[in-house]
Full PDB file with SEQRES, HELIX, SHEET, SSBOND, CRYST1, ORIGX, SCALE, CONECT and MASTER records, all heavy atoms in Angstrom:
SEQRES   1 A   42  GLY ILE GLY ASN THR THR VAL GLU LYS VAL MET THR GLU          
SEQRES   2 A   42  ALA VAL ARG GLU GLY VAL PRO PHE TRP ASP MET ALA GLN          
SEQRES   3 A   42  ARG LEU VAL ASN ASP GLY VAL ILE THR VAL LYS ALA GLY          
SEQRES   4 A   42  ALA ALA ILE                                                  
HELIX    1 AA1 ASN A    4  GLU A   17  1                                  14    
HELIX    2 AA2 PHE A   21  ASN A   30  1                                  10    
HELIX    3 AA3 VAL A   36  ALA A   41  1                                   6    
CRYST1    1.000    1.000    1.000  90.00  90.00  90.00 P 1           1          
ORIGX1      1.000000  0.000000  0.000000        0.00000                         
ORIGX2      0.000000  1.000000  0.000000        0.00000                         
ORIGX3      0.000000  0.000000  1.000000        0.00000                         
SCALE1      1.000000  0.000000  0.000000        0.00000                         
SCALE2      0.000000  1.000000  0.000000        0.00000                         
SCALE3      0.000000  0.000000  1.000000        0.00000                         
ATOM      1  N   GLY A   1      65.839  78.127  46.686  1.00  0.00           N  
ATOM      2  CA  GLY A   1      64.430  77.827  46.499  1.00  0.00           C  
ATOM      3  C   GLY A   1      63.541  79.011  46.739  1.00  0.00           C  
ATOM      4  O   GLY A   1      62.380  78.879  47.026  1.00  0.00           O  
ATOM      5  N   ILE A   2      64.061  80.334  46.542  1.00  0.00           N  
ATOM      6  CA  ILE A   2      63.082  81.498  46.670  1.00  0.00           C  
ATOM      7  C   ILE A   2      63.192  81.998  45.268  1.00  0.00           C  
ATOM      8  O   ILE A   2      64.055  82.842  44.972  1.00  0.00           O  
ATOM      9  CB  ILE A   2      63.727  82.374  47.748  1.00  0.00           C  
ATOM     10  CG1 ILE A   2      63.893  81.714  49.129  1.00  0.00           C  
ATOM     11  CG2 ILE A   2      62.768  83.652  47.915  1.00  0.00           C  
ATOM     12  CD1 ILE A   2      64.574  82.651  50.080  1.00  0.00           C  
ATOM     13  N   GLY A   3      62.178  81.795  44.552  1.00  0.00           N  
ATOM     14  CA  GLY A   3      62.209  82.349  43.038  1.00  0.00           C  
ATOM     15  C   GLY A   3      61.793  83.799  42.874  1.00  0.00           C  
ATOM     16  O   GLY A   3      61.297  84.465  43.875  1.00  0.00           O  
ATOM     17  N   ASN A   4      62.146  84.223  41.734  1.00  0.00           N  
ATOM     18  CA  ASN A   4      61.911  85.760  41.325  1.00  0.00           C  
ATOM     19  C   ASN A   4      60.430  86.147  41.500  1.00  0.00           C  
ATOM     20  O   ASN A   4      60.099  87.181  41.989  1.00  0.00           O  
ATOM     21  CB  ASN A   4      62.357  86.048  39.993  1.00  0.00           C  
ATOM     22  CG  ASN A   4      63.845  85.954  39.921  1.00  0.00           C  
ATOM     23  OD1 ASN A   4      64.568  86.078  40.856  1.00  0.00           O  
ATOM     24  ND2 ASN A   4      64.339  85.813  38.586  1.00  0.00           N  
ATOM     25  N   THR A   5      59.475  85.239  41.144  1.00  0.00           N  
ATOM     26  CA  THR A   5      58.078  85.553  41.172  1.00  0.00           C  
ATOM     27  C   THR A   5      57.618  85.756  42.682  1.00  0.00           C  
ATOM     28  O   THR A   5      56.947  86.688  43.031  1.00  0.00           O  
ATOM     29  CB  THR A   5      57.171  84.443  40.671  1.00  0.00           C  
ATOM     30  OG1 THR A   5      57.626  84.115  39.286  1.00  0.00           O  
ATOM     31  CG2 THR A   5      55.819  84.735  40.566  1.00  0.00           C  
ATOM     32  N   THR A   6      58.214  84.900  43.582  1.00  0.00           N  
ATOM     33  CA  THR A   6      57.836  84.971  45.033  1.00  0.00           C  
ATOM     34  C   THR A   6      58.389  86.366  45.653  1.00  0.00           C  
ATOM     35  O   THR A   6      57.600  87.025  46.231  1.00  0.00           O  
ATOM     36  CB  THR A   6      58.486  83.891  45.784  1.00  0.00           C  
ATOM     37  OG1 THR A   6      57.893  82.608  45.337  1.00  0.00           O  
ATOM     38  CG2 THR A   6      58.243  83.996  47.276  1.00  0.00           C  
ATOM     39  N   VAL A   7      59.648  86.618  45.303  1.00  0.00           N  
ATOM     40  CA  VAL A   7      60.215  87.789  45.773  1.00  0.00           C  
ATOM     41  C   VAL A   7      59.522  89.008  45.246  1.00  0.00           C  
ATOM     42  O   VAL A   7      59.254  90.020  45.957  1.00  0.00           O  
ATOM     43  CB  VAL A   7      61.745  87.968  45.279  1.00  0.00           C  
ATOM     44  CG1 VAL A   7      62.343  89.286  45.619  1.00  0.00           C  
ATOM     45  CG2 VAL A   7      62.586  86.772  45.961  1.00  0.00           C  
ATOM     46  N   GLU A   8      59.134  89.079  43.994  1.00  0.00           N  
ATOM     47  CA  GLU A   8      58.393  90.162  43.328  1.00  0.00           C  
ATOM     48  C   GLU A   8      57.116  90.379  44.106  1.00  0.00           C  
ATOM     49  O   GLU A   8      56.671  91.577  44.344  1.00  0.00           O  
ATOM     50  CB  GLU A   8      58.228  89.944  41.912  1.00  0.00           C  
ATOM     51  CG  GLU A   8      58.001  91.250  41.120  1.00  0.00           C  
ATOM     52  CD  GLU A   8      58.078  91.067  39.534  1.00  0.00           C  
ATOM     53  OE1 GLU A   8      58.990  90.512  39.167  1.00  0.00           O  
ATOM     54  OE2 GLU A   8      57.085  91.436  38.971  1.00  0.00           O  
ATOM     55  N   LYS A   9      56.374  89.390  44.419  1.00  0.00           N  
ATOM     56  CA  LYS A   9      55.087  89.447  45.122  1.00  0.00           C  
ATOM     57  C   LYS A   9      55.202  90.109  46.385  1.00  0.00           C  
ATOM     58  O   LYS A   9      54.531  91.029  46.884  1.00  0.00           O  
ATOM     59  CB  LYS A   9      54.379  88.129  45.134  1.00  0.00           C  
ATOM     60  CG  LYS A   9      53.734  87.439  43.950  1.00  0.00           C  
ATOM     61  CD  LYS A   9      53.182  86.132  44.228  1.00  0.00           C  
ATOM     62  CE  LYS A   9      52.592  85.530  42.871  1.00  0.00           C  
ATOM     63  NZ  LYS A   9      52.246  84.117  43.081  1.00  0.00           N  
ATOM     64  N   VAL A  10      56.141  89.600  47.148  1.00  0.00           N  
ATOM     65  CA  VAL A  10      56.488  89.993  48.483  1.00  0.00           C  
ATOM     66  C   VAL A  10      56.828  91.472  48.555  1.00  0.00           C  
ATOM     67  O   VAL A  10      56.373  92.393  49.228  1.00  0.00           O  
ATOM     68  CB  VAL A  10      57.490  89.187  49.286  1.00  0.00           C  
ATOM     69  CG1 VAL A  10      57.745  89.729  50.615  1.00  0.00           C  
ATOM     70  CG2 VAL A  10      57.032  87.812  49.382  1.00  0.00           C  
ATOM     71  N   MET A  11      57.761  91.825  47.610  1.00  0.00           N  
ATOM     72  CA  MET A  11      58.301  93.119  47.562  1.00  0.00           C  
ATOM     73  C   MET A  11      57.294  94.236  47.157  1.00  0.00           C  
ATOM     74  O   MET A  11      57.189  95.287  47.737  1.00  0.00           O  
ATOM     75  CB  MET A  11      59.461  93.171  46.529  1.00  0.00           C  
ATOM     76  CG  MET A  11      60.499  94.270  46.679  1.00  0.00           C  
ATOM     77  SD  MET A  11      61.375  94.033  48.341  1.00  0.00           S  
ATOM     78  CE  MET A  11      61.359  95.679  48.873  1.00  0.00           C  
ATOM     79  N   THR A  12      56.454  93.892  46.180  1.00  0.00           N  
ATOM     80  CA  THR A  12      55.396  94.753  45.725  1.00  0.00           C  
ATOM     81  C   THR A  12      54.451  95.153  46.827  1.00  0.00           C  
ATOM     82  O   THR A  12      54.181  96.300  47.076  1.00  0.00           O  
ATOM     83  CB  THR A  12      54.643  94.175  44.522  1.00  0.00           C  
ATOM     84  OG1 THR A  12      55.520  93.798  43.466  1.00  0.00           O  
ATOM     85  CG2 THR A  12      53.530  95.095  44.011  1.00  0.00           C  
ATOM     86  N   GLU A  13      54.077  94.138  47.556  1.00  0.00           N  
ATOM     87  CA  GLU A  13      53.085  94.392  48.764  1.00  0.00           C  
ATOM     88  C   GLU A  13      53.770  95.145  49.811  1.00  0.00           C  
ATOM     89  O   GLU A  13      53.084  95.999  50.523  1.00  0.00           O  
ATOM     90  CB  GLU A  13      52.404  93.027  49.156  1.00  0.00           C  
ATOM     91  CG  GLU A  13      51.475  92.405  48.230  1.00  0.00           C  
ATOM     92  CD  GLU A  13      50.432  93.377  47.777  1.00  0.00           C  
ATOM     93  OE1 GLU A  13      49.726  93.804  48.746  1.00  0.00           O  
ATOM     94  OE2 GLU A  13      50.125  93.558  46.578  1.00  0.00           O  
ATOM     95  N   ALA A  14      55.080  94.815  50.053  1.00  0.00           N  
ATOM     96  CA  ALA A  14      55.784  95.456  51.229  1.00  0.00           C  
ATOM     97  C   ALA A  14      55.961  96.859  50.957  1.00  0.00           C  
ATOM     98  O   ALA A  14      55.773  97.650  51.865  1.00  0.00           O  
ATOM     99  CB  ALA A  14      57.149  94.715  51.313  1.00  0.00           C  
ATOM    100  N   VAL A  15      56.293  97.300  49.642  1.00  0.00           N  
ATOM    101  CA  VAL A  15      56.321  98.647  49.278  1.00  0.00           C  
ATOM    102  C   VAL A  15      55.094  99.336  49.276  1.00  0.00           C  
ATOM    103  O   VAL A  15      54.921 100.465  49.887  1.00  0.00           O  
ATOM    104  CB  VAL A  15      57.029  98.773  47.818  1.00  0.00           C  
ATOM    105  CG1 VAL A  15      57.023 100.194  47.352  1.00  0.00           C  
ATOM    106  CG2 VAL A  15      58.440  98.326  47.891  1.00  0.00           C  
ATOM    107  N   ARG A  16      54.034  98.647  48.786  1.00  0.00           N  
ATOM    108  CA  ARG A  16      52.659  99.317  48.758  1.00  0.00           C  
ATOM    109  C   ARG A  16      52.211  99.602  50.157  1.00  0.00           C  
ATOM    110  O   ARG A  16      51.535 100.622  50.432  1.00  0.00           O  
ATOM    111  CB  ARG A  16      51.775  98.446  48.053  1.00  0.00           C  
ATOM    112  CG  ARG A  16      50.357  99.065  47.679  1.00  0.00           C  
ATOM    113  CD  ARG A  16      49.543  98.213  46.814  1.00  0.00           C  
ATOM    114  NE  ARG A  16      49.185  96.931  47.358  1.00  0.00           N  
ATOM    115  CZ  ARG A  16      48.096  96.824  48.190  1.00  0.00           C  
ATOM    116  NH1 ARG A  16      47.385  97.798  48.501  1.00  0.00           N  
ATOM    117  NH2 ARG A  16      47.889  95.618  48.723  1.00  0.00           N  
ATOM    118  N   GLU A  17      52.464  98.764  51.085  1.00  0.00           N  
ATOM    119  CA  GLU A  17      51.893  98.864  52.434  1.00  0.00           C  
ATOM    120  C   GLU A  17      52.836  99.531  53.453  1.00  0.00           C  
ATOM    121  O   GLU A  17      52.573  99.723  54.593  1.00  0.00           O  
ATOM    122  CB  GLU A  17      51.291  97.617  52.987  1.00  0.00           C  
ATOM    123  CG  GLU A  17      50.117  97.182  52.077  1.00  0.00           C  
ATOM    124  CD  GLU A  17      49.287  96.118  52.913  1.00  0.00           C  
ATOM    125  OE1 GLU A  17      49.314  96.099  54.114  1.00  0.00           O  
ATOM    126  OE2 GLU A  17      48.584  95.399  52.262  1.00  0.00           O  
ATOM    127  N   GLY A  18      54.100  99.650  53.013  1.00  0.00           N  
ATOM    128  CA  GLY A  18      55.233 100.231  53.932  1.00  0.00           C  
ATOM    129  C   GLY A  18      55.549  99.261  55.058  1.00  0.00           C  
ATOM    130  O   GLY A  18      55.780  99.666  56.137  1.00  0.00           O  
ATOM    131  N   VAL A  19      55.530  97.931  54.721  1.00  0.00           N  
ATOM    132  CA  VAL A  19      55.679  96.984  55.711  1.00  0.00           C  
ATOM    133  C   VAL A  19      57.039  96.299  55.501  1.00  0.00           C  
ATOM    134  O   VAL A  19      57.476  96.017  54.249  1.00  0.00           O  
ATOM    135  CB  VAL A  19      54.606  95.911  55.761  1.00  0.00           C  
ATOM    136  CG1 VAL A  19      54.996  94.667  56.693  1.00  0.00           C  
ATOM    137  CG2 VAL A  19      53.321  96.502  56.111  1.00  0.00           C  
ATOM    138  N   PRO A  20      57.905  95.831  56.424  1.00  0.00           N  
ATOM    139  CA  PRO A  20      59.162  95.211  56.042  1.00  0.00           C  
ATOM    140  C   PRO A  20      58.940  93.970  55.417  1.00  0.00           C  
ATOM    141  O   PRO A  20      57.988  93.187  55.455  1.00  0.00           O  
ATOM    142  CB  PRO A  20      59.732  94.814  57.574  1.00  0.00           C  
ATOM    143  CG  PRO A  20      59.226  95.877  58.399  1.00  0.00           C  
ATOM    144  CD  PRO A  20      57.763  96.126  57.875  1.00  0.00           C  
ATOM    145  N   PHE A  21      59.919  93.606  54.563  1.00  0.00           N  
ATOM    146  CA  PHE A  21      59.877  92.439  53.598  1.00  0.00           C  
ATOM    147  C   PHE A  21      59.545  91.102  54.390  1.00  0.00           C  
ATOM    148  O   PHE A  21      58.600  90.445  53.896  1.00  0.00           O  
ATOM    149  CB  PHE A  21      61.248  92.283  52.845  1.00  0.00           C  
ATOM    150  CG  PHE A  21      61.225  91.098  51.940  1.00  0.00           C  
ATOM    151  CD1 PHE A  21      60.915  91.250  50.629  1.00  0.00           C  
ATOM    152  CD2 PHE A  21      61.703  89.855  52.463  1.00  0.00           C  
ATOM    153  CE1 PHE A  21      61.027  90.142  49.696  1.00  0.00           C  
ATOM    154  CE2 PHE A  21      61.774  88.779  51.628  1.00  0.00           C  
ATOM    155  CZ  PHE A  21      61.398  88.872  50.191  1.00  0.00           C  
ATOM    156  N   TRP A  22      60.193  90.921  55.558  1.00  0.00           N  
ATOM    157  CA  TRP A  22      60.054  89.809  56.274  1.00  0.00           C  
ATOM    158  C   TRP A  22      58.594  89.589  56.797  1.00  0.00           C  
ATOM    159  O   TRP A  22      58.154  88.477  56.756  1.00  0.00           O  
ATOM    160  CB  TRP A  22      61.113  89.641  57.393  1.00  0.00           C  
ATOM    161  CG  TRP A  22      62.556  89.883  57.013  1.00  0.00           C  
ATOM    162  CD1 TRP A  22      63.223  90.935  57.200  1.00  0.00           C  
ATOM    163  CD2 TRP A  22      63.311  89.018  56.372  1.00  0.00           C  
ATOM    164  NE1 TRP A  22      64.475  90.767  56.735  1.00  0.00           N  
ATOM    165  CE2 TRP A  22      64.556  89.602  56.117  1.00  0.00           C  
ATOM    166  CE3 TRP A  22      63.187  87.718  55.751  1.00  0.00           C  
ATOM    167  CZ2 TRP A  22      65.680  89.008  55.481  1.00  0.00           C  
ATOM    168  CZ3 TRP A  22      64.215  87.008  55.201  1.00  0.00           C  
ATOM    169  CH2 TRP A  22      65.425  87.718  55.026  1.00  0.00           C  
ATOM    170  N   ASP A  23      58.072  90.634  57.334  1.00  0.00           N  
ATOM    171  CA  ASP A  23      56.701  90.554  57.859  1.00  0.00           C  
ATOM    172  C   ASP A  23      55.832  90.282  56.793  1.00  0.00           C  
ATOM    173  O   ASP A  23      54.772  89.546  56.854  1.00  0.00           O  
ATOM    174  CB  ASP A  23      56.361  91.949  58.665  1.00  0.00           C  
ATOM    175  CG  ASP A  23      57.242  92.092  59.753  1.00  0.00           C  
ATOM    176  OD1 ASP A  23      58.049  91.213  60.160  1.00  0.00           O  
ATOM    177  OD2 ASP A  23      57.280  93.221  60.368  1.00  0.00           O  
ATOM    178  N   MET A  24      55.880  90.982  55.601  1.00  0.00           N  
ATOM    179  CA  MET A  24      54.980  90.820  54.527  1.00  0.00           C  
ATOM    180  C   MET A  24      54.993  89.387  54.026  1.00  0.00           C  
ATOM    181  O   MET A  24      53.981  88.868  53.623  1.00  0.00           O  
ATOM    182  CB  MET A  24      55.276  91.754  53.438  1.00  0.00           C  
ATOM    183  CG  MET A  24      54.441  91.667  52.179  1.00  0.00           C  
ATOM    184  SD  MET A  24      52.593  91.816  52.647  1.00  0.00           S  
ATOM    185  CE  MET A  24      52.503  93.488  53.109  1.00  0.00           C  
ATOM    186  N   ALA A  25      56.188  88.797  54.003  1.00  0.00           N  
ATOM    187  CA  ALA A  25      56.338  87.331  53.417  1.00  0.00           C  
ATOM    188  C   ALA A  25      55.440  86.509  54.355  1.00  0.00           C  
ATOM    189  O   ALA A  25      54.723  85.657  53.750  1.00  0.00           O  
ATOM    190  CB  ALA A  25      57.849  86.945  53.518  1.00  0.00           C  
ATOM    191  N   GLN A  26      55.545  86.547  55.691  1.00  0.00           N  
ATOM    192  CA  GLN A  26      54.697  85.771  56.586  1.00  0.00           C  
ATOM    193  C   GLN A  26      53.210  86.014  56.310  1.00  0.00           C  
ATOM    194  O   GLN A  26      52.439  85.030  56.288  1.00  0.00           O  
ATOM    195  CB  GLN A  26      55.052  86.023  58.057  1.00  0.00           C  
ATOM    196  CG  GLN A  26      54.467  85.012  58.989  1.00  0.00           C  
ATOM    197  CD  GLN A  26      54.785  83.633  58.736  1.00  0.00           C  
ATOM    198  OE1 GLN A  26      55.901  83.277  58.584  1.00  0.00           O  
ATOM    199  NE2 GLN A  26      53.715  82.783  58.539  1.00  0.00           N  
ATOM    200  N   ARG A  27      52.864  87.214  56.050  1.00  0.00           N  
ATOM    201  CA  ARG A  27      51.491  87.515  55.822  1.00  0.00           C  
ATOM    202  C   ARG A  27      50.947  86.940  54.626  1.00  0.00           C  
ATOM    203  O   ARG A  27      49.810  86.328  54.572  1.00  0.00           O  
ATOM    204  CB  ARG A  27      51.232  88.954  55.858  1.00  0.00           C  
ATOM    205  CG  ARG A  27      49.822  89.517  55.940  1.00  0.00           C  
ATOM    206  CD  ARG A  27      49.541  90.988  55.649  1.00  0.00           C  
ATOM    207  NE  ARG A  27      50.226  91.850  56.517  1.00  0.00           N  
ATOM    208  CZ  ARG A  27      50.248  93.205  56.492  1.00  0.00           C  
ATOM    209  NH1 ARG A  27      49.412  93.671  55.436  1.00  0.00           N  
ATOM    210  NH2 ARG A  27      50.857  93.994  57.227  1.00  0.00           N  
ATOM    211  N   LEU A  28      51.782  86.938  53.500  1.00  0.00           N  
ATOM    212  CA  LEU A  28      51.375  86.361  52.276  1.00  0.00           C  
ATOM    213  C   LEU A  28      51.296  84.914  52.252  1.00  0.00           C  
ATOM    214  O   LEU A  28      50.477  84.196  51.507  1.00  0.00           O  
ATOM    215  CB  LEU A  28      52.336  86.941  51.155  1.00  0.00           C  
ATOM    216  CG  LEU A  28      52.230  88.334  50.821  1.00  0.00           C  
ATOM    217  CD1 LEU A  28      53.047  88.676  49.645  1.00  0.00           C  
ATOM    218  CD2 LEU A  28      50.779  88.887  50.602  1.00  0.00           C  
ATOM    219  N   VAL A  29      52.095  84.211  53.182  1.00  0.00           N  
ATOM    220  CA  VAL A  29      51.993  82.754  53.295  1.00  0.00           C  
ATOM    221  C   VAL A  29      50.623  82.475  54.004  1.00  0.00           C  
ATOM    222  O   VAL A  29      49.925  81.635  53.556  1.00  0.00           O  
ATOM    223  CB  VAL A  29      53.176  82.239  54.203  1.00  0.00           C  
ATOM    224  CG1 VAL A  29      52.829  80.851  54.534  1.00  0.00           C  
ATOM    225  CG2 VAL A  29      54.468  82.281  53.445  1.00  0.00           C  
ATOM    226  N   ASN A  30      50.287  83.256  55.038  1.00  0.00           N  
ATOM    227  CA  ASN A  30      49.105  83.067  55.694  1.00  0.00           C  
ATOM    228  C   ASN A  30      47.849  83.218  54.808  1.00  0.00           C  
ATOM    229  O   ASN A  30      46.761  82.591  54.908  1.00  0.00           O  
ATOM    230  CB  ASN A  30      48.960  84.027  56.951  1.00  0.00           C  
ATOM    231  CG  ASN A  30      49.998  83.679  57.980  1.00  0.00           C  
ATOM    232  OD1 ASN A  30      50.523  82.599  58.003  1.00  0.00           O  
ATOM    233  ND2 ASN A  30      50.339  84.606  58.834  1.00  0.00           N  
ATOM    234  N   ASP A  31      47.946  84.327  53.825  1.00  0.00           N  
ATOM    235  CA  ASP A  31      46.963  84.586  52.911  1.00  0.00           C  
ATOM    236  C   ASP A  31      46.796  83.642  51.741  1.00  0.00           C  
ATOM    237  O   ASP A  31      46.044  83.785  50.945  1.00  0.00           O  
ATOM    238  CB  ASP A  31      46.932  86.021  52.427  1.00  0.00           C  
ATOM    239  CG  ASP A  31      46.734  87.008  53.643  1.00  0.00           C  
ATOM    240  OD1 ASP A  31      46.247  86.576  54.678  1.00  0.00           O  
ATOM    241  OD2 ASP A  31      46.992  88.150  53.302  1.00  0.00           O  
ATOM    242  N   GLY A  32      47.816  82.688  51.654  1.00  0.00           N  
ATOM    243  CA  GLY A  32      47.791  81.736  50.456  1.00  0.00           C  
ATOM    244  C   GLY A  32      48.356  82.371  49.123  1.00  0.00           C  
ATOM    245  O   GLY A  32      48.272  81.806  48.178  1.00  0.00           O  
ATOM    246  N   VAL A  33      49.001  83.552  49.232  1.00  0.00           N  
ATOM    247  CA  VAL A  33      49.404  84.248  48.010  1.00  0.00           C  
ATOM    248  C   VAL A  33      50.756  83.700  47.582  1.00  0.00           C  
ATOM    249  O   VAL A  33      51.010  83.643  46.411  1.00  0.00           O  
ATOM    250  CB  VAL A  33      49.616  85.821  48.178  1.00  0.00           C  
ATOM    251  CG1 VAL A  33      50.278  86.405  47.014  1.00  0.00           C  
ATOM    252  CG2 VAL A  33      48.155  86.569  48.700  1.00  0.00           C  
ATOM    253  N   ILE A  34      51.553  83.254  48.550  1.00  0.00           N  
ATOM    254  CA  ILE A  34      52.728  82.486  48.152  1.00  0.00           C  
ATOM    255  C   ILE A  34      52.738  81.188  48.829  1.00  0.00           C  
ATOM    256  O   ILE A  34      52.078  81.072  49.885  1.00  0.00           O  
ATOM    257  CB  ILE A  34      54.086  83.292  48.551  1.00  0.00           C  
ATOM    258  CG1 ILE A  34      54.137  83.553  50.013  1.00  0.00           C  
ATOM    259  CG2 ILE A  34      54.208  84.606  47.696  1.00  0.00           C  
ATOM    260  CD1 ILE A  34      55.426  84.126  50.500  1.00  0.00           C  
ATOM    261  N   THR A  35      53.509  80.196  48.303  1.00  0.00           N  
ATOM    262  CA  THR A  35      53.386  78.851  48.791  1.00  0.00           C  
ATOM    263  C   THR A  35      54.065  78.746  50.214  1.00  0.00           C  
ATOM    264  O   THR A  35      54.942  79.554  50.518  1.00  0.00           O  
ATOM    265  CB  THR A  35      54.002  77.830  47.847  1.00  0.00           C  
ATOM    266  OG1 THR A  35      55.478  78.055  47.941  1.00  0.00           O  
ATOM    267  CG2 THR A  35      53.500  77.956  46.502  1.00  0.00           C  
ATOM    268  N   VAL A  36      53.589  77.586  50.858  1.00  0.00           N  
ATOM    269  CA  VAL A  36      54.104  77.391  52.357  1.00  0.00           C  
ATOM    270  C   VAL A  36      55.676  77.111  52.110  1.00  0.00           C  
ATOM    271  O   VAL A  36      56.454  77.513  52.861  1.00  0.00           O  
ATOM    272  CB  VAL A  36      53.328  76.202  52.949  1.00  0.00           C  
ATOM    273  CG1 VAL A  36      54.075  75.804  54.136  1.00  0.00           C  
ATOM    274  CG2 VAL A  36      51.994  76.627  53.178  1.00  0.00           C  
ATOM    275  N   LYS A  37      56.005  76.318  50.996  1.00  0.00           N  
ATOM    276  CA  LYS A  37      57.246  75.946  50.716  1.00  0.00           C  
ATOM    277  C   LYS A  37      58.263  77.246  50.535  1.00  0.00           C  
ATOM    278  O   LYS A  37      59.320  77.206  51.147  1.00  0.00           O  
ATOM    279  CB  LYS A  37      57.401  75.069  49.466  1.00  0.00           C  
ATOM    280  CG  LYS A  37      58.820  74.500  49.161  1.00  0.00           C  
ATOM    281  CD  LYS A  37      58.743  73.599  47.982  1.00  0.00           C  
ATOM    282  CE  LYS A  37      60.115  73.132  47.547  1.00  0.00           C  
ATOM    283  NZ  LYS A  37      60.245  72.357  46.302  1.00  0.00           N  
ATOM    284  N   ALA A  38      57.765  78.180  49.745  1.00  0.00           N  
ATOM    285  CA  ALA A  38      58.538  79.378  49.540  1.00  0.00           C  
ATOM    286  C   ALA A  38      58.600  80.140  50.784  1.00  0.00           C  
ATOM    287  O   ALA A  38      59.752  80.735  51.137  1.00  0.00           O  
ATOM    288  CB  ALA A  38      57.801  80.216  48.424  1.00  0.00           C  
ATOM    289  N   GLY A  39      57.585  80.102  51.610  1.00  0.00           N  
ATOM    290  CA  GLY A  39      57.591  80.779  52.893  1.00  0.00           C  
ATOM    291  C   GLY A  39      58.594  80.276  53.830  1.00  0.00           C  
ATOM    292  O   GLY A  39      59.265  80.913  54.538  1.00  0.00           O  
ATOM    293  N   ALA A  40      58.649  78.970  53.728  1.00  0.00           N  
ATOM    294  CA  ALA A  40      59.636  78.246  54.680  1.00  0.00           C  
ATOM    295  C   ALA A  40      61.002  78.532  54.271  1.00  0.00           C  
ATOM    296  O   ALA A  40      61.910  78.701  55.115  1.00  0.00           O  
ATOM    297  CB  ALA A  40      59.300  76.662  54.561  1.00  0.00           C  
ATOM    298  N   ALA A  41      61.214  78.648  52.999  1.00  0.00           N  
ATOM    299  CA  ALA A  41      62.596  78.947  52.430  1.00  0.00           C  
ATOM    300  C   ALA A  41      63.020  80.367  52.962  1.00  0.00           C  
ATOM    301  O   ALA A  41      64.196  80.613  53.404  1.00  0.00           O  
ATOM    302  CB  ALA A  41      62.754  78.817  50.954  1.00  0.00           C  
ATOM    303  N   ILE A  42      62.059  81.375  52.880  1.00  0.00           N  
ATOM    304  CA  ILE A  42      62.374  82.705  53.360  1.00  0.00           C  
ATOM    305  C   ILE A  42      62.647  82.707  54.747  1.00  0.00           C  
ATOM    306  O   ILE A  42      63.501  83.532  55.222  1.00  0.00           O  
ATOM    307  CB  ILE A  42      61.109  83.698  52.906  1.00  0.00           C  
ATOM    308  CG1 ILE A  42      61.072  83.776  51.303  1.00  0.00           C  
ATOM    309  CG2 ILE A  42      61.326  84.988  53.558  1.00  0.00           C  
ATOM    310  CD1 ILE A  42      59.844  84.573  50.953  1.00  0.00           C  
TER     311      ILE A  42                                                      
MASTER        0    0    0    3    0    0    0    6  310    1    0    4          
END                                                                             
């Protein structure tokens, strides 16, 4: 349940800001950029 679009969003921001993938995923859930469901799967 972790789609390509979700992964791409997290990865793009993680690379841009130099933040680990896992930390960026939580931040994007909090900001509403990715869904709570996708965040829970990650």
